[in-house]
Amino acid sequence: LTEAETSQRIKSGAPYVVRFLMPEG
C-alpha cells in the first residue's frame, strides 16, 4: 500500500497488526 493508503486505513479504525520484517537469506 502507499503511505497515504496505510495512514487512511489506520485512521478509519481498520483492524491491523504490526509484523516484524524478517530478512531473507
mmCIF file of all heavy atoms, coordinates in Angstrom:
data_MODEL
# 
_entry.id   MODEL 
# 
loop_
_atom_site.group_PDB 
_atom_site.id 
_atom_site.type_symbol 
_atom_site.label_atom_id 
_atom_site.label_alt_id 
_atom_site.label_comp_id 
_atom_site.label_asym_id 
_atom_site.label_entity_id 
_atom_site.label_seq_id 
_atom_site.pdbx_PDB_ins_code 
_atom_site.Cartn_x 
_atom_site.Cartn_y 
_atom_site.Cartn_z 
_atom_site.occupancy 
_atom_site.B_iso_or_equiv 
_atom_site.pdbx_formal_charge 
_atom_site.auth_seq_id 
_atom_site.auth_comp_id 
_atom_site.auth_asym_id 
_atom_site.auth_atom_id 
_atom_site.pdbx_PDB_model_num 
ATOM 1   N N   . LEU A 1 1  ? 0.835   -1.192  0.000  1.00 0.00 ? 1  LEU A N   1 
ATOM 2   C CA  . LEU A 1 1  ? 0.000   0.000   0.000  1.00 0.00 ? 1  LEU A CA  1 
ATOM 3   C C   . LEU A 1 1  ? 0.877   1.252   0.000  1.00 0.00 ? 1  LEU A C   1 
ATOM 4   O O   . LEU A 1 1  ? 2.036   1.220   0.451  1.00 0.00 ? 1  LEU A O   1 
ATOM 5   C CB  . LEU A 1 1  ? -0.899  0.022   1.239  1.00 0.00 ? 1  LEU A CB  1 
ATOM 6   C CG  . LEU A 1 1  ? -1.903  -1.131  1.405  1.00 0.00 ? 1  LEU A CG  1 
ATOM 7   C CD1 . LEU A 1 1  ? -2.576  -1.031  2.783  1.00 0.00 ? 1  LEU A CD1 1 
ATOM 8   C CD2 . LEU A 1 1  ? -2.946  -1.117  0.299  1.00 0.00 ? 1  LEU A CD2 1 
ATOM 9   N N   . THR A 1 2  ? 0.321   2.334   -0.480 1.00 0.00 ? 2  THR A N   1 
ATOM 10  C CA  . THR A 1 2  ? 1.052   3.599   -0.375 1.00 0.00 ? 2  THR A CA  1 
ATOM 11  C C   . THR A 1 2  ? 1.000   4.093   1.070  1.00 0.00 ? 2  THR A C   1 
ATOM 12  O O   . THR A 1 2  ? 0.193   3.618   1.880  1.00 0.00 ? 2  THR A O   1 
ATOM 13  C CB  . THR A 1 2  ? 0.434   4.675   -1.285 1.00 0.00 ? 2  THR A CB  1 
ATOM 14  O OG1 . THR A 1 2  ? -0.887  4.988   -0.803 1.00 0.00 ? 2  THR A OG1 1 
ATOM 15  C CG2 . THR A 1 2  ? 0.354   4.186   -2.727 1.00 0.00 ? 2  THR A CG2 1 
ATOM 16  N N   . GLU A 1 3  ? 1.842   5.029   1.365  1.00 0.00 ? 3  GLU A N   1 
ATOM 17  C CA  . GLU A 1 3  ? 1.858   5.583   2.720  1.00 0.00 ? 3  GLU A CA  1 
ATOM 18  C C   . GLU A 1 3  ? 0.518   6.227   3.054  1.00 0.00 ? 3  GLU A C   1 
ATOM 19  O O   . GLU A 1 3  ? 0.015   6.110   4.173  1.00 0.00 ? 3  GLU A O   1 
ATOM 20  C CB  . GLU A 1 3  ? 2.978   6.613   2.834  1.00 0.00 ? 3  GLU A CB  1 
ATOM 21  C CG  . GLU A 1 3  ? 3.184   7.113   4.259  1.00 0.00 ? 3  GLU A CG  1 
ATOM 22  C CD  . GLU A 1 3  ? 4.406   8.016   4.388  1.00 0.00 ? 3  GLU A CD  1 
ATOM 23  O OE1 . GLU A 1 3  ? 5.334   7.889   3.564  1.00 0.00 ? 3  GLU A OE1 1 
ATOM 24  O OE2 . GLU A 1 3  ? 4.412   8.849   5.326  1.00 0.00 ? 3  GLU A OE2 1 
ATOM 25  N N   . ALA A 1 4  ? -0.101  6.882   2.053  1.00 0.00 ? 4  ALA A N   1 
ATOM 26  C CA  . ALA A 1 4  ? -1.398  7.530   2.272  1.00 0.00 ? 4  ALA A CA  1 
ATOM 27  C C   . ALA A 1 4  ? -2.482  6.494   2.506  1.00 0.00 ? 4  ALA A C   1 
ATOM 28  O O   . ALA A 1 4  ? -3.354  6.673   3.377  1.00 0.00 ? 4  ALA A O   1 
ATOM 29  C CB  . ALA A 1 4  ? -1.752  8.393   1.060  1.00 0.00 ? 4  ALA A CB  1 
ATOM 30  N N   . GLU A 1 5  ? -2.448  5.403   1.731  1.00 0.00 ? 5  GLU A N   1 
ATOM 31  C CA  . GLU A 1 5  ? -3.446  4.338   1.897  1.00 0.00 ? 5  GLU A CA  1 
ATOM 32  C C   . GLU A 1 5  ? -3.315  3.685   3.271  1.00 0.00 ? 5  GLU A C   1 
ATOM 33  O O   . GLU A 1 5  ? -4.312  3.388   3.938  1.00 0.00 ? 5  GLU A O   1 
ATOM 34  C CB  . GLU A 1 5  ? -3.287  3.291   0.794  1.00 0.00 ? 5  GLU A CB  1 
ATOM 35  C CG  . GLU A 1 5  ? -3.714  3.768   -0.577 1.00 0.00 ? 5  GLU A CG  1 
ATOM 36  C CD  . GLU A 1 5  ? -3.360  2.783   -1.670 1.00 0.00 ? 5  GLU A CD  1 
ATOM 37  O OE1 . GLU A 1 5  ? -2.325  2.079   -1.526 1.00 0.00 ? 5  GLU A OE1 1 
ATOM 38  O OE2 . GLU A 1 5  ? -4.091  2.709   -2.664 1.00 0.00 ? 5  GLU A OE2 1 
ATOM 39  N N   . THR A 1 6  ? -2.086  3.478   3.689  1.00 0.00 ? 6  THR A N   1 
ATOM 40  C CA  . THR A 1 6  ? -1.842  2.885   5.005  1.00 0.00 ? 6  THR A CA  1 
ATOM 41  C C   . THR A 1 6  ? -2.367  3.796   6.105  1.00 0.00 ? 6  THR A C   1 
ATOM 42  O O   . THR A 1 6  ? -3.063  3.358   7.027  1.00 0.00 ? 6  THR A O   1 
ATOM 43  C CB  . THR A 1 6  ? -0.338  2.629   5.205  1.00 0.00 ? 6  THR A CB  1 
ATOM 44  O OG1 . THR A 1 6  ? 0.133   1.727   4.208  1.00 0.00 ? 6  THR A OG1 1 
ATOM 45  C CG2 . THR A 1 6  ? -0.062  2.064   6.593  1.00 0.00 ? 6  THR A CG2 1 
ATOM 46  N N   . SER A 1 7  ? -2.053  5.079   5.989  1.00 0.00 ? 7  SER A N   1 
ATOM 47  C CA  . SER A 1 7  ? -2.476  6.044   7.001  1.00 0.00 ? 7  SER A CA  1 
ATOM 48  C C   . SER A 1 7  ? -3.997  6.130   7.065  1.00 0.00 ? 7  SER A C   1 
ATOM 49  O O   . SER A 1 7  ? -4.576  6.204   8.161  1.00 0.00 ? 7  SER A O   1 
ATOM 50  C CB  . SER A 1 7  ? -1.879  7.416   6.678  1.00 0.00 ? 7  SER A CB  1 
ATOM 51  O OG  . SER A 1 7  ? -2.306  8.378   7.614  1.00 0.00 ? 7  SER A OG  1 
ATOM 52  N N   . GLN A 1 8  ? -4.649  6.112   5.898  1.00 0.00 ? 8  GLN A N   1 
ATOM 53  C CA  . GLN A 1 8  ? -6.101  6.213   5.856  1.00 0.00 ? 8  GLN A CA  1 
ATOM 54  C C   . GLN A 1 8  ? -6.751  5.008   6.516  1.00 0.00 ? 8  GLN A C   1 
ATOM 55  O O   . GLN A 1 8  ? -7.727  5.143   7.254  1.00 0.00 ? 8  GLN A O   1 
ATOM 56  C CB  . GLN A 1 8  ? -6.576  6.328   4.401  1.00 0.00 ? 8  GLN A CB  1 
ATOM 57  C CG  . GLN A 1 8  ? -8.086  6.426   4.259  1.00 0.00 ? 8  GLN A CG  1 
ATOM 58  C CD  . GLN A 1 8  ? -8.692  7.596   5.020  1.00 0.00 ? 8  GLN A CD  1 
ATOM 59  O OE1 . GLN A 1 8  ? -8.101  8.682   5.068  1.00 0.00 ? 8  GLN A OE1 1 
ATOM 60  N NE2 . GLN A 1 8  ? -9.852  7.395   5.633  1.00 0.00 ? 8  GLN A NE2 1 
ATOM 61  N N   . ARG A 1 9  ? -6.223  3.823   6.275  1.00 0.00 ? 9  ARG A N   1 
ATOM 62  C CA  . ARG A 1 9  ? -6.774  2.611   6.899  1.00 0.00 ? 9  ARG A CA  1 
ATOM 63  C C   . ARG A 1 9  ? -6.667  2.698   8.425  1.00 0.00 ? 9  ARG A C   1 
ATOM 64  O O   . ARG A 1 9  ? -7.594  2.321   9.149  1.00 0.00 ? 9  ARG A O   1 
ATOM 65  C CB  . ARG A 1 9  ? -6.041  1.367   6.387  1.00 0.00 ? 9  ARG A CB  1 
ATOM 66  C CG  . ARG A 1 9  ? -6.469  0.936   4.992  1.00 0.00 ? 9  ARG A CG  1 
ATOM 67  C CD  . ARG A 1 9  ? -5.640  -0.261  4.525  1.00 0.00 ? 9  ARG A CD  1 
ATOM 68  N NE  . ARG A 1 9  ? -6.075  -0.701  3.213  1.00 0.00 ? 9  ARG A NE  1 
ATOM 69  C CZ  . ARG A 1 9  ? -6.814  -1.783  2.969  1.00 0.00 ? 9  ARG A CZ  1 
ATOM 70  N NH1 . ARG A 1 9  ? -7.200  -2.539  3.992  1.00 0.00 ? 9  ARG A NH1 1 
ATOM 71  N NH2 . ARG A 1 9  ? -7.164  -2.124  1.746  1.00 0.00 ? 9  ARG A NH2 1 
ATOM 72  N N   . ILE A 1 10 ? -5.542  3.154   8.905  1.00 0.00 ? 10 ILE A N   1 
ATOM 73  C CA  . ILE A 1 10 ? -5.343  3.241   10.353 1.00 0.00 ? 10 ILE A CA  1 
ATOM 74  C C   . ILE A 1 10 ? -6.306  4.271   10.952 1.00 0.00 ? 10 ILE A C   1 
ATOM 75  O O   . ILE A 1 10 ? -6.946  4.017   11.987 1.00 0.00 ? 10 ILE A O   1 
ATOM 76  C CB  . ILE A 1 10 ? -3.883  3.608   10.685 1.00 0.00 ? 10 ILE A CB  1 
ATOM 77  C CG1 . ILE A 1 10 ? -2.946  2.456   10.253 1.00 0.00 ? 10 ILE A CG1 1 
ATOM 78  C CG2 . ILE A 1 10 ? -3.719  3.882   12.174 1.00 0.00 ? 10 ILE A CG2 1 
ATOM 79  C CD1 . ILE A 1 10 ? -1.478  2.794   10.376 1.00 0.00 ? 10 ILE A CD1 1 
ATOM 80  N N   . LYS A 1 11 ? -6.422  5.437   10.277 1.00 0.00 ? 11 LYS A N   1 
ATOM 81  C CA  . LYS A 1 11 ? -7.311  6.492   10.778 1.00 0.00 ? 11 LYS A CA  1 
ATOM 82  C C   . LYS A 1 11 ? -8.773  6.052   10.789 1.00 0.00 ? 11 LYS A C   1 
ATOM 83  O O   . LYS A 1 11 ? -9.553  6.472   11.648 1.00 0.00 ? 11 LYS A O   1 
ATOM 84  C CB  . LYS A 1 11 ? -7.153  7.746   9.933  1.00 0.00 ? 11 LYS A CB  1 
ATOM 85  C CG  . LYS A 1 11 ? -5.841  8.485   10.168 1.00 0.00 ? 11 LYS A CG  1 
ATOM 86  C CD  . LYS A 1 11 ? -5.746  9.721   9.292  1.00 0.00 ? 11 LYS A CD  1 
ATOM 87  C CE  . LYS A 1 11 ? -4.433  10.454  9.533  1.00 0.00 ? 11 LYS A CE  1 
ATOM 88  N NZ  . LYS A 1 11 ? -4.304  11.642  8.633  1.00 0.00 ? 11 LYS A NZ  1 
ATOM 89  N N   . SER A 1 12 ? -9.155  5.203   9.831  1.00 0.00 ? 12 SER A N   1 
ATOM 90  C CA  . SER A 1 12 ? -10.538 4.754   9.741  1.00 0.00 ? 12 SER A CA  1 
ATOM 91  C C   . SER A 1 12 ? -10.878 3.672   10.764 1.00 0.00 ? 12 SER A C   1 
ATOM 92  O O   . SER A 1 12 ? -12.028 3.248   10.870 1.00 0.00 ? 12 SER A O   1 
ATOM 93  C CB  . SER A 1 12 ? -10.827 4.217   8.335  1.00 0.00 ? 12 SER A CB  1 
ATOM 94  O OG  . SER A 1 12 ? -10.101 3.012   8.104  1.00 0.00 ? 12 SER A OG  1 
ATOM 95  N N   . GLY A 1 13 ? -9.868  3.222   11.487 1.00 0.00 ? 13 GLY A N   1 
ATOM 96  C CA  . GLY A 1 13 ? -10.099 2.205   12.517 1.00 0.00 ? 13 GLY A CA  1 
ATOM 97  C C   . GLY A 1 13 ? -10.053 0.784   11.998 1.00 0.00 ? 13 GLY A C   1 
ATOM 98  O O   . GLY A 1 13 ? -10.526 -0.149  12.674 1.00 0.00 ? 13 GLY A O   1 
ATOM 99  N N   . ALA A 1 14 ? -9.478  0.603   10.817 1.00 0.00 ? 14 ALA A N   1 
ATOM 100 C CA  . ALA A 1 14 ? -9.364  -0.742  10.257 1.00 0.00 ? 14 ALA A CA  1 
ATOM 101 C C   . ALA A 1 14 ? -8.458  -1.594  11.152 1.00 0.00 ? 14 ALA A C   1 
ATOM 102 O O   . ALA A 1 14 ? -7.395  -1.131  11.585 1.00 0.00 ? 14 ALA A O   1 
ATOM 103 C CB  . ALA A 1 14 ? -8.787  -0.675  8.847  1.00 0.00 ? 14 ALA A CB  1 
ATOM 104 N N   . PRO A 1 15 ? -8.845  -2.824  11.449 1.00 0.00 ? 15 PRO A N   1 
ATOM 105 C CA  . PRO A 1 15 ? -8.002  -3.695  12.280 1.00 0.00 ? 15 PRO A CA  1 
ATOM 106 C C   . PRO A 1 15 ? -6.654  -3.944  11.601 1.00 0.00 ? 15 PRO A C   1 
ATOM 107 O O   . PRO A 1 15 ? -6.594  -4.111  10.373 1.00 0.00 ? 15 PRO A O   1 
ATOM 108 C CB  . PRO A 1 15 ? -8.814  -4.988  12.378 1.00 0.00 ? 15 PRO A CB  1 
ATOM 109 C CG  . PRO A 1 15 ? -10.218 -4.603  12.041 1.00 0.00 ? 15 PRO A CG  1 
ATOM 110 C CD  . PRO A 1 15 ? -10.100 -3.494  11.051 1.00 0.00 ? 15 PRO A CD  1 
ATOM 111 N N   . TYR A 1 16 ? -5.631  -3.950  12.386 1.00 0.00 ? 16 TYR A N   1 
ATOM 112 C CA  . TYR A 1 16 ? -4.306  -4.211  11.831 1.00 0.00 ? 16 TYR A CA  1 
ATOM 113 C C   . TYR A 1 16 ? -3.419  -4.866  12.883 1.00 0.00 ? 16 TYR A C   1 
ATOM 114 O O   . TYR A 1 16 ? -3.740  -4.881  14.073 1.00 0.00 ? 16 TYR A O   1 
ATOM 115 C CB  . TYR A 1 16 ? -3.655  -2.909  11.341 1.00 0.00 ? 16 TYR A CB  1 
ATOM 116 C CG  . TYR A 1 16 ? -3.242  -1.978  12.469 1.00 0.00 ? 16 TYR A CG  1 
ATOM 117 C CD1 . TYR A 1 16 ? -2.013  -2.114  13.127 1.00 0.00 ? 16 TYR A CD1 1 
ATOM 118 C CD2 . TYR A 1 16 ? -4.097  -0.962  12.889 1.00 0.00 ? 16 TYR A CD2 1 
ATOM 119 C CE1 . TYR A 1 16 ? -1.644  -1.268  14.161 1.00 0.00 ? 16 TYR A CE1 1 
ATOM 120 C CE2 . TYR A 1 16 ? -3.740  -0.115  13.931 1.00 0.00 ? 16 TYR A CE2 1 
ATOM 121 C CZ  . TYR A 1 16 ? -2.514  -0.274  14.556 1.00 0.00 ? 16 TYR A CZ  1 
ATOM 122 O OH  . TYR A 1 16 ? -2.151  0.555   15.587 1.00 0.00 ? 16 TYR A OH  1 
ATOM 123 N N   . VAL A 1 17 ? -2.313  -5.393  12.409 1.00 0.00 ? 17 VAL A N   1 
ATOM 124 C CA  . VAL A 1 17 ? -1.232  -5.845  13.285 1.00 0.00 ? 17 VAL A CA  1 
ATOM 125 C C   . VAL A 1 17 ? 0.055   -5.273  12.716 1.00 0.00 ? 17 VAL A C   1 
ATOM 126 O O   . VAL A 1 17 ? 0.105   -4.848  11.549 1.00 0.00 ? 17 VAL A O   1 
ATOM 127 C CB  . VAL A 1 17 ? -1.134  -7.389  13.355 1.00 0.00 ? 17 VAL A CB  1 
ATOM 128 C CG1 . VAL A 1 17 ? -2.380  -7.995  13.965 1.00 0.00 ? 17 VAL A CG1 1 
ATOM 129 C CG2 . VAL A 1 17 ? -0.844  -7.996  11.982 1.00 0.00 ? 17 VAL A CG2 1 
ATOM 130 N N   . VAL A 1 18 ? 1.079   -5.247  13.549 1.00 0.00 ? 18 VAL A N   1 
ATOM 131 C CA  . VAL A 1 18 ? 2.408   -4.860  13.075 1.00 0.00 ? 18 VAL A CA  1 
ATOM 132 C C   . VAL A 1 18 ? 3.280   -6.115  13.089 1.00 0.00 ? 18 VAL A C   1 
ATOM 133 O O   . VAL A 1 18 ? 3.376   -6.798  14.109 1.00 0.00 ? 18 VAL A O   1 
ATOM 134 C CB  . VAL A 1 18 ? 3.038   -3.761  13.952 1.00 0.00 ? 18 VAL A CB  1 
ATOM 135 C CG1 . VAL A 1 18 ? 4.444   -3.427  13.459 1.00 0.00 ? 18 VAL A CG1 1 
ATOM 136 C CG2 . VAL A 1 18 ? 2.158   -2.521  13.966 1.00 0.00 ? 18 VAL A CG2 1 
ATOM 137 N N   . ARG A 1 19 ? 3.863   -6.419  11.935 1.00 0.00 ? 19 ARG A N   1 
ATOM 138 C CA  . ARG A 1 19 ? 4.706   -7.605  11.790 1.00 0.00 ? 19 ARG A CA  1 
ATOM 139 C C   . ARG A 1 19 ? 6.180   -7.210  11.679 1.00 0.00 ? 19 ARG A C   1 
ATOM 140 O O   . ARG A 1 19 ? 6.525   -6.134  11.173 1.00 0.00 ? 19 ARG A O   1 
ATOM 141 C CB  . ARG A 1 19 ? 4.312   -8.398  10.542 1.00 0.00 ? 19 ARG A CB  1 
ATOM 142 C CG  . ARG A 1 19 ? 2.951   -9.093  10.640 1.00 0.00 ? 19 ARG A CG  1 
ATOM 143 C CD  . ARG A 1 19 ? 2.641   -9.871  9.361  1.00 0.00 ? 19 ARG A CD  1 
ATOM 144 N NE  . ARG A 1 19 ? 1.373   -10.584 9.442  1.00 0.00 ? 19 ARG A NE  1 
ATOM 145 C CZ  . ARG A 1 19 ? 1.217   -11.813 9.897  1.00 0.00 ? 19 ARG A CZ  1 
ATOM 146 N NH1 . ARG A 1 19 ? 2.285   -12.491 10.331 1.00 0.00 ? 19 ARG A NH1 1 
ATOM 147 N NH2 . ARG A 1 19 ? 0.031   -12.381 9.917  1.00 0.00 ? 19 ARG A NH2 1 
ATOM 148 N N   . PHE A 1 20 ? 7.036   -8.092  12.138 1.00 0.00 ? 20 PHE A N   1 
ATOM 149 C CA  . PHE A 1 20 ? 8.469   -7.889  12.005 1.00 0.00 ? 20 PHE A CA  1 
ATOM 150 C C   . PHE A 1 20 ? 8.886   -8.232  10.583 1.00 0.00 ? 20 PHE A C   1 
ATOM 151 O O   . PHE A 1 20 ? 8.434   -9.232  10.022 1.00 0.00 ? 20 PHE A O   1 
ATOM 152 C CB  . PHE A 1 20 ? 9.219   -8.774  13.001 1.00 0.00 ? 20 PHE A CB  1 
ATOM 153 C CG  . PHE A 1 20 ? 10.708  -8.588  12.972 1.00 0.00 ? 20 PHE A CG  1 
ATOM 154 C CD1 . PHE A 1 20 ? 11.272  -7.403  13.396 1.00 0.00 ? 20 PHE A CD1 1 
ATOM 155 C CD2 . PHE A 1 20 ? 11.547  -9.605  12.518 1.00 0.00 ? 20 PHE A CD2 1 
ATOM 156 C CE1 . PHE A 1 20 ? 12.643  -7.222  13.385 1.00 0.00 ? 20 PHE A CE1 1 
ATOM 157 C CE2 . PHE A 1 20 ? 12.924  -9.437  12.499 1.00 0.00 ? 20 PHE A CE2 1 
ATOM 158 C CZ  . PHE A 1 20 ? 13.476  -8.235  12.935 1.00 0.00 ? 20 PHE A CZ  1 
ATOM 159 N N   . LEU A 1 21 ? 9.745   -7.432  10.008 1.00 0.00 ? 21 LEU A N   1 
ATOM 160 C CA  . LEU A 1 21 ? 10.239  -7.684  8.658  1.00 0.00 ? 21 LEU A CA  1 
ATOM 161 C C   . LEU A 1 21 ? 11.463  -8.584  8.735  1.00 0.00 ? 21 LEU A C   1 
ATOM 162 O O   . LEU A 1 21 ? 12.591  -8.111  8.888  1.00 0.00 ? 21 LEU A O   1 
ATOM 163 C CB  . LEU A 1 21 ? 10.575  -6.362  7.971  1.00 0.00 ? 21 LEU A CB  1 
ATOM 164 C CG  . LEU A 1 21 ? 10.939  -6.451  6.486  1.00 0.00 ? 21 LEU A CG  1 
ATOM 165 C CD1 . LEU A 1 21 ? 9.720   -6.841  5.665  1.00 0.00 ? 21 LEU A CD1 1 
ATOM 166 C CD2 . LEU A 1 21 ? 11.496  -5.110  5.993  1.00 0.00 ? 21 LEU A CD2 1 
ATOM 167 N N   . MET A 1 22 ? 11.225  -9.879  8.656  1.00 0.00 ? 22 MET A N   1 
ATOM 168 C CA  . MET A 1 22 ? 12.322  -10.838 8.744  1.00 0.00 ? 22 MET A CA  1 
ATOM 169 C C   . MET A 1 22 ? 13.115  -10.823 7.439  1.00 0.00 ? 22 MET A C   1 
ATOM 170 O O   . MET A 1 22 ? 12.544  -10.987 6.360  1.00 0.00 ? 22 MET A O   1 
ATOM 171 C CB  . MET A 1 22 ? 11.776  -12.246 9.017  1.00 0.00 ? 22 MET A CB  1 
ATOM 172 C CG  . MET A 1 22 ? 12.849  -13.299 9.232  1.00 0.00 ? 22 MET A CG  1 
ATOM 173 S SD  . MET A 1 22 ? 13.881  -13.006 10.702 1.00 0.00 ? 22 MET A SD  1 
ATOM 174 C CE  . MET A 1 22 ? 12.703  -13.324 12.021 1.00 0.00 ? 22 MET A CE  1 
ATOM 175 N N   . PRO A 1 23 ? 14.421  -10.600 7.501  1.00 0.00 ? 23 PRO A N   1 
ATOM 176 C CA  . PRO A 1 23 ? 15.221  -10.538 6.263  1.00 0.00 ? 23 PRO A CA  1 
ATOM 177 C C   . PRO A 1 23 ? 15.308  -11.903 5.580  1.00 0.00 ? 23 PRO A C   1 
ATOM 178 O O   . PRO A 1 23 ? 15.114  -12.941 6.200  1.00 0.00 ? 23 PRO A O   1 
ATOM 179 C CB  . PRO A 1 23 ? 16.587  -10.077 6.761  1.00 0.00 ? 23 PRO A CB  1 
ATOM 180 C CG  . PRO A 1 23 ? 16.639  -10.511 8.189  1.00 0.00 ? 23 PRO A CG  1 
ATOM 181 C CD  . PRO A 1 23 ? 15.234  -10.385 8.696  1.00 0.00 ? 23 PRO A CD  1 
ATOM 182 N N   . GLU A 1 24 ? 15.605  -11.854 4.293  1.00 0.00 ? 24 GLU A N   1 
ATOM 183 C CA  . GLU A 1 24 ? 15.745  -13.081 3.512  1.00 0.00 ? 24 GLU A CA  1 
ATOM 184 C C   . GLU A 1 24 ? 17.214  -13.458 3.372  1.00 0.00 ? 24 GLU A C   1 
ATOM 185 O O   . GLU A 1 24 ? 18.080  -12.601 3.196  1.00 0.00 ? 24 GLU A O   1 
ATOM 186 C CB  . GLU A 1 24 ? 15.143  -12.866 2.116  1.00 0.00 ? 24 GLU A CB  1 
ATOM 187 C CG  . GLU A 1 24 ? 15.305  -14.044 1.179  1.00 0.00 ? 24 GLU A CG  1 
ATOM 188 C CD  . GLU A 1 24 ? 14.873  -13.731 -0.243 1.00 0.00 ? 24 GLU A CD  1 
ATOM 189 O OE1 . GLU A 1 24 ? 14.400  -12.600 -0.486 1.00 0.00 ? 24 GLU A OE1 1 
ATOM 190 O OE2 . GLU A 1 24 ? 15.034  -14.608 -1.118 1.00 0.00 ? 24 GLU A OE2 1 
ATOM 191 N N   . GLY A 1 25 ? 17.497  -14.761 3.494  1.00 0.00 ? 25 GLY A N   1 
ATOM 192 C CA  . GLY A 1 25 ? 18.826  -15.273 3.180  1.00 0.00 ? 25 GLY A CA  1 
ATOM 193 C C   . GLY A 1 25 ? 19.925  -14.887 4.153  1.00 0.00 ? 25 GLY A C   1 
ATOM 194 O O   . GLY A 1 25 ? 21.102  -14.879 3.794  1.00 0.00 ? 25 GLY A O   1 
# 
